[in-house]
Amino acid sequence: RGSIKAERDAAFTAFVDGATPSLMRTAWLLCGDGEQAQELVQAALVKTYVAWPRVKEDTALAYARRVLVNHRTDSWRRTRRELTFGDVPEQPADPDVRPDDRDTIVRLLGRLPEQQRTVVVLRYYNDLSERAVADLLGISVGAVKSAASRGLASLRTQHASTEGGLR
């Protein structure tokens, strides 16, 4: 019994090491606050650990991401307030996107309604399919398409109205 728990803990530790950077970036894009993102990831990892015996290795990241999104949605519904977006956390460097551009993108994301921001982040930042986003959020594919379309349109409009915009 002891060795089974040790193996389970070792597998979970390896999962945490690999998944935390992705979960942190997703959490930060969803809430815009570094401390809240850390709390969100911690809560998601705790719930994932509790369910770890039932979680399949190839779907563990998707499971943890769903827990993270659900926890964010629940906390947002409880507080119904939006947070101001602070500094952008460290992200992989993209040679075509400057730090100023990332900051602008994140600030524009922060102005979207919660569901649109969540759909845009999951669909385009995490590169999930419409079906995967719908399943993750428990909404229809049509609702995902609508939220993505409205979110992108809003981002385009907001971007056009910002001084200088992205280069």
C-alpha atoms as a PDB file:
ATOM      1  CA  ARG A   1       0.000   0.000   0.000  1.00  0.00           C
ATOM      2  CA  GLY A   2       2.824   2.390   0.888  1.00  0.00           C
ATOM      3  CA  SER A   3       4.557   1.870  -2.449  1.00  0.00           C
ATOM      4  CA  ILE A   4       1.309   2.523  -4.348  1.00  0.00           C
ATOM      5  CA  LYS A   5       0.938   5.882  -2.586  1.00  0.00           C
ATOM      6  CA  ALA A   6       4.606   6.679  -3.228  1.00  0.00           C
ATOM      7  CA  GLU A   7       4.162   5.889  -6.942  1.00  0.00           C
ATOM      8  CA  ARG A   8       0.981   7.976  -7.058  1.00  0.00           C
ATOM      9  CA  ASP A   9       2.727  10.893  -5.361  1.00  0.00           C
ATOM     10  CA  ALA A  10       5.721  10.624  -7.678  1.00  0.00           C
ATOM     11  CA  ALA A  11       3.474  10.623 -10.753  1.00  0.00           C
ATOM     12  CA  PHE A  12       1.538  13.620  -9.426  1.00  0.00           C
ATOM     13  CA  THR A  13       4.753  15.507  -8.616  1.00  0.00           C
ATOM     14  CA  ALA A  14       5.984  14.926 -12.168  1.00  0.00           C
ATOM     15  CA  PHE A  15       2.631  16.147 -13.489  1.00  0.00           C
ATOM     16  CA  VAL A  16       2.790  19.297 -11.327  1.00  0.00           C
ATOM     17  CA  ASP A  17       6.320  20.068 -12.528  1.00  0.00           C
ATOM     18  CA  GLY A  18       5.261  19.836 -16.170  1.00  0.00           C
ATOM     19  CA  ALA A  19       1.794  21.396 -15.955  1.00  0.00           C
ATOM     20  CA  THR A  20       2.308  24.334 -13.597  1.00  0.00           C
ATOM     21  CA  PRO A  21       3.758  26.809 -16.148  1.00  0.00           C
ATOM     22  CA  SER A  22       0.850  26.250 -18.547  1.00  0.00           C
ATOM     23  CA  LEU A  23      -1.733  26.404 -15.760  1.00  0.00           C
ATOM     24  CA  MET A  24      -0.160  29.604 -14.383  1.00  0.00           C
ATOM     25  CA  ARG A  25      -0.281  31.362 -17.757  1.00  0.00           C
ATOM     26  CA  THR A  26      -3.892  30.299 -18.286  1.00  0.00           C
ATOM     27  CA  ALA A  27      -4.897  31.365 -14.771  1.00  0.00           C
ATOM     28  CA  TRP A  28      -3.164  34.702 -15.145  1.00  0.00           C
ATOM     29  CA  LEU A  29      -4.853  35.410 -18.459  1.00  0.00           C
ATOM     30  CA  LEU A  30      -8.214  34.549 -16.898  1.00  0.00           C
ATOM     31  CA  CYS A  31      -7.875  36.712 -13.796  1.00  0.00           C
ATOM     32  CA  GLY A  32      -5.087  39.226 -14.513  1.00  0.00           C
ATOM     33  CA  ASP A  33      -3.566  39.054 -11.048  1.00  0.00           C
ATOM     34  CA  GLY A  34      -0.418  37.117 -10.165  1.00  0.00           C
ATOM     35  CA  GLU A  35      -1.398  36.249  -6.599  1.00  0.00           C
ATOM     36  CA  GLN A  36      -4.911  35.227  -7.576  1.00  0.00           C
ATOM     37  CA  ALA A  37      -3.485  33.131 -10.440  1.00  0.00           C
ATOM     38  CA  GLN A  38      -1.207  31.304  -7.985  1.00  0.00           C
ATOM     39  CA  GLU A  39      -4.143  30.653  -5.651  1.00  0.00           C
ATOM     40  CA  LEU A  40      -6.218  29.427  -8.581  1.00  0.00           C
ATOM     41  CA  VAL A  41      -3.499  27.007  -9.699  1.00  0.00           C
ATOM     42  CA  GLN A  42      -2.986  25.782  -6.121  1.00  0.00           C
ATOM     43  CA  ALA A  43      -6.723  25.124  -5.738  1.00  0.00           C
ATOM     44  CA  ALA A  44      -6.827  23.313  -9.083  1.00  0.00           C
ATOM     45  CA  LEU A  45      -3.825  21.170  -8.165  1.00  0.00           C
ATOM     46  CA  VAL A  46      -5.291  20.265  -4.772  1.00  0.00           C
ATOM     47  CA  LYS A  47      -8.556  19.139  -6.371  1.00  0.00           C
ATOM     48  CA  THR A  48      -6.623  17.299  -9.085  1.00  0.00           C
ATOM     49  CA  TYR A  49      -4.550  15.496  -6.455  1.00  0.00           C
ATOM     50  CA  VAL A  50      -7.681  14.363  -4.636  1.00  0.00           C
ATOM     51  CA  ALA A  51      -9.025  12.957  -7.911  1.00  0.00           C
ATOM     52  CA  TRP A  52      -5.614  11.679  -9.093  1.00  0.00           C
ATOM     53  CA  PRO A  53      -6.474   7.952  -8.798  1.00  0.00           C
ATOM     54  CA  ARG A  54      -9.324   8.520 -11.292  1.00  0.00           C
ATOM     55  CA  VAL A  55      -7.444  10.900 -13.630  1.00  0.00           C
ATOM     56  CA  LYS A  56      -5.920   9.363 -16.740  1.00  0.00           C
ATOM     57  CA  GLU A  57      -2.367  10.434 -17.479  1.00  0.00           C
ATOM     58  CA  ASP A  58      -3.137  11.571 -21.038  1.00  0.00           C
ATOM     59  CA  THR A  59      -6.024  13.797 -19.862  1.00  0.00           C
ATOM     60  CA  ALA A  60      -4.508  15.097 -16.614  1.00  0.00           C
ATOM     61  CA  LEU A  61      -3.735  18.577 -17.973  1.00  0.00           C
ATOM     62  CA  ALA A  62      -7.225  18.909 -19.449  1.00  0.00           C
ATOM     63  CA  TYR A  63      -8.698  17.781 -16.126  1.00  0.00           C
ATOM     64  CA  ALA A  64      -6.628  20.302 -14.131  1.00  0.00           C
ATOM     65  CA  ARG A  65      -7.454  23.060 -16.619  1.00  0.00           C
ATOM     66  CA  ARG A  66     -11.166  22.327 -16.264  1.00  0.00           C
ATOM     67  CA  VAL A  67     -10.902  22.456 -12.473  1.00  0.00           C
ATOM     68  CA  LEU A  68      -9.015  25.754 -12.770  1.00  0.00           C
ATOM     69  CA  VAL A  69     -11.603  27.313 -15.102  1.00  0.00           C
ATOM     70  CA  ASN A  70     -14.506  26.083 -12.963  1.00  0.00           C
ATOM     71  CA  HIS A  71     -12.892  27.443  -9.812  1.00  0.00           C
ATOM     72  CA  ARG A  72     -12.268  30.815 -11.508  1.00  0.00           C
ATOM     73  CA  THR A  73     -15.848  30.962 -12.747  1.00  0.00           C
ATOM     74  CA  ASP A  74     -17.224  30.081  -9.312  1.00  0.00           C
ATOM     75  CA  SER A  75     -15.100  32.711  -7.573  1.00  0.00           C
ATOM     76  CA  TRP A  76     -15.977  35.326 -10.188  1.00  0.00           C
ATOM     77  CA  ARG A  77     -19.675  34.619  -9.758  1.00  0.00           C
ATOM     78  CA  ARG A  78     -19.330  35.005  -5.989  1.00  0.00           C
ATOM     79  CA  THR A  79     -17.532  38.334  -6.146  1.00  0.00           C
ATOM     80  CA  ARG A  80     -18.835  39.745  -9.459  1.00  0.00           C
ATOM     81  CA  ARG A  81     -15.946  42.133  -9.680  1.00  0.00           C
ATOM     82  CA  GLU A  82     -13.202  42.452 -12.194  1.00  0.00           C
ATOM     83  CA  LEU A  83      -9.596  42.889 -11.163  1.00  0.00           C
ATOM     84  CA  THR A  84      -7.163  45.306 -12.699  1.00  0.00           C
ATOM     85  CA  PHE A  85      -4.490  43.689 -14.786  1.00  0.00           C
ATOM     86  CA  GLY A  86      -0.957  44.091 -13.518  1.00  0.00           C
ATOM     87  CA  ASP A  87       2.394  42.964 -14.837  1.00  0.00           C
ATOM     88  CA  VAL A  88       2.509  40.232 -17.445  1.00  0.00           C
ATOM     89  CA  PRO A  89       4.018  37.006 -16.050  1.00  0.00           C
ATOM     90  CA  GLU A  90       6.996  35.487 -17.751  1.00  0.00           C
ATOM     91  CA  GLN A  91       5.989  33.809 -20.998  1.00  0.00           C
ATOM     92  CA  PRO A  92       7.874  32.040 -23.743  1.00  0.00           C
ATOM     93  CA  ALA A  93       9.404  34.599 -26.055  1.00  0.00           C
ATOM     94  CA  ASP A  94       7.663  35.022 -29.385  1.00  0.00           C
ATOM     95  CA  PRO A  95       9.956  36.925 -31.779  1.00  0.00           C
ATOM     96  CA  ASP A  96       6.944  38.534 -33.481  1.00  0.00           C
ATOM     97  CA  VAL A  97       5.352  39.832 -30.255  1.00  0.00           C
ATOM     98  CA  ARG A  98       7.110  42.515 -28.212  1.00  0.00           C
ATOM     99  CA  PRO A  99       6.537  42.873 -24.426  1.00  0.00           C
ATOM    100  CA  ASP A 100       4.525  46.066 -25.026  1.00  0.00           C
ATOM    101  CA  ASP A 101       2.280  44.111 -27.405  1.00  0.00           C
ATOM    102  CA  ARG A 102       1.702  41.375 -24.822  1.00  0.00           C
ATOM    103  CA  ASP A 103       0.814  43.969 -22.210  1.00  0.00           C
ATOM    104  CA  THR A 104      -1.687  45.567 -24.600  1.00  0.00           C
ATOM    105  CA  ILE A 105      -3.232  42.188 -25.429  1.00  0.00           C
ATOM    106  CA  VAL A 106      -3.606  41.271 -21.763  1.00  0.00           C
ATOM    107  CA  ARG A 107      -5.163  44.622 -20.886  1.00  0.00           C
ATOM    108  CA  LEU A 108      -7.626  44.272 -23.764  1.00  0.00           C
ATOM    109  CA  LEU A 109      -8.485  40.733 -22.624  1.00  0.00           C
ATOM    110  CA  GLY A 110      -9.210  42.151 -19.170  1.00  0.00           C
ATOM    111  CA  ARG A 111     -11.959  44.324 -20.623  1.00  0.00           C
ATOM    112  CA  LEU A 112     -13.894  41.392 -22.068  1.00  0.00           C
ATOM    113  CA  PRO A 113     -16.834  39.875 -20.212  1.00  0.00           C
ATOM    114  CA  GLU A 114     -15.848  36.763 -18.235  1.00  0.00           C
ATOM    115  CA  GLN A 115     -17.211  34.134 -20.645  1.00  0.00           C
ATOM    116  CA  GLN A 116     -15.769  35.817 -23.737  1.00  0.00           C
ATOM    117  CA  ARG A 117     -12.348  36.146 -22.081  1.00  0.00           C
ATOM    118  CA  THR A 118     -12.418  32.514 -20.958  1.00  0.00           C
ATOM    119  CA  VAL A 119     -13.414  31.273 -24.426  1.00  0.00           C
ATOM    120  CA  VAL A 120     -10.803  33.438 -26.194  1.00  0.00           C
ATOM    121  CA  VAL A 121      -8.036  32.321 -23.805  1.00  0.00           C
ATOM    122  CA  LEU A 122      -8.922  28.632 -24.058  1.00  0.00           C
ATOM    123  CA  ARG A 123      -9.633  28.674 -27.786  1.00  0.00           C
ATOM    124  CA  TYR A 124      -6.744  30.791 -29.046  1.00  0.00           C
ATOM    125  CA  TYR A 125      -4.120  30.924 -26.302  1.00  0.00           C
ATOM    126  CA  ASN A 126      -4.415  27.260 -25.304  1.00  0.00           C
ATOM    127  CA  ASP A 127      -5.271  26.264 -28.888  1.00  0.00           C
ATOM    128  CA  LEU A 128      -8.242  24.103 -27.907  1.00  0.00           C
ATOM    129  CA  SER A 129     -10.890  23.130 -30.435  1.00  0.00           C
ATOM    130  CA  GLU A 130     -14.391  24.588 -30.222  1.00  0.00           C
ATOM    131  CA  ARG A 131     -15.657  21.184 -29.055  1.00  0.00           C
ATOM    132  CA  ALA A 132     -12.966  20.955 -26.353  1.00  0.00           C
ATOM    133  CA  VAL A 133     -13.807  24.449 -25.058  1.00  0.00           C
ATOM    134  CA  ALA A 134     -17.533  23.638 -25.094  1.00  0.00           C
ATOM    135  CA  ASP A 135     -16.939  20.418 -23.153  1.00  0.00           C
ATOM    136  CA  LEU A 136     -14.602  22.164 -20.708  1.00  0.00           C
ATOM    137  CA  LEU A 137     -17.074  24.959 -19.977  1.00  0.00           C
ATOM    138  CA  GLY A 138     -20.229  22.869 -20.199  1.00  0.00           C
ATOM    139  CA  ILE A 139     -21.737  25.018 -22.952  1.00  0.00           C
ATOM    140  CA  SER A 140     -22.710  24.359 -26.562  1.00  0.00           C
ATOM    141  CA  VAL A 141     -20.331  24.656 -29.501  1.00  0.00           C
ATOM    142  CA  GLY A 142     -22.597  27.437 -30.789  1.00  0.00           C
ATOM    143  CA  ALA A 143     -22.106  29.361 -27.532  1.00  0.00           C
ATOM    144  CA  VAL A 144     -18.335  28.949 -27.910  1.00  0.00           C
ATOM    145  CA  LYS A 145     -18.458  30.209 -31.501  1.00  0.00           C
ATOM    146  CA  SER A 146     -20.608  33.164 -30.467  1.00  0.00           C
ATOM    147  CA  ALA A 147     -18.443  34.103 -27.469  1.00  0.00           C
ATOM    148  CA  ALA A 148     -15.264  33.760 -29.536  1.00  0.00           C
ATOM    149  CA  SER A 149     -16.674  35.850 -32.366  1.00  0.00           C
ATOM    150  CA  ARG A 150     -17.915  38.581 -30.041  1.00  0.00           C
ATOM    151  CA  GLY A 151     -14.717  38.510 -28.005  1.00  0.00           C
ATOM    152  CA  LEU A 152     -12.477  38.815 -31.061  1.00  0.00           C
ATOM    153  CA  ALA A 153     -14.673  41.577 -32.511  1.00  0.00           C
ATOM    154  CA  SER A 154     -14.456  43.456 -29.222  1.00  0.00           C
ATOM    155  CA  LEU A 155     -10.685  42.996 -29.094  1.00  0.00           C
ATOM    156  CA  ARG A 156     -10.369  44.316 -32.648  1.00  0.00           C
ATOM    157  CA  THR A 157     -12.536  47.339 -31.859  1.00  0.00           C
ATOM    158  CA  GLN A 158     -10.694  48.064 -28.615  1.00  0.00           C
ATOM    159  CA  HIS A 159      -7.344  47.594 -30.327  1.00  0.00           C
ATOM    160  CA  ALA A 160      -8.268  50.002 -33.115  1.00  0.00           C
ATOM    161  CA  SER A 161      -9.180  52.621 -30.512  1.00  0.00           C
ATOM    162  CA  THR A 162      -5.940  52.275 -28.501  1.00  0.00           C
ATOM    163  CA  GLU A 163      -3.192  54.748 -29.169  1.00  0.00           C
ATOM    164  CA  GLY A 164      -0.739  53.296 -31.634  1.00  0.00           C
ATOM    165  CA  GLY A 165      -2.136  49.765 -31.309  1.00  0.00           C
ATOM    166  CA  LEU A 166       0.067  46.766 -32.006  1.00  0.00           C
ATOM    167  CA  ARG A 167       2.782  47.175 -34.560  1.00  0.00           C
END
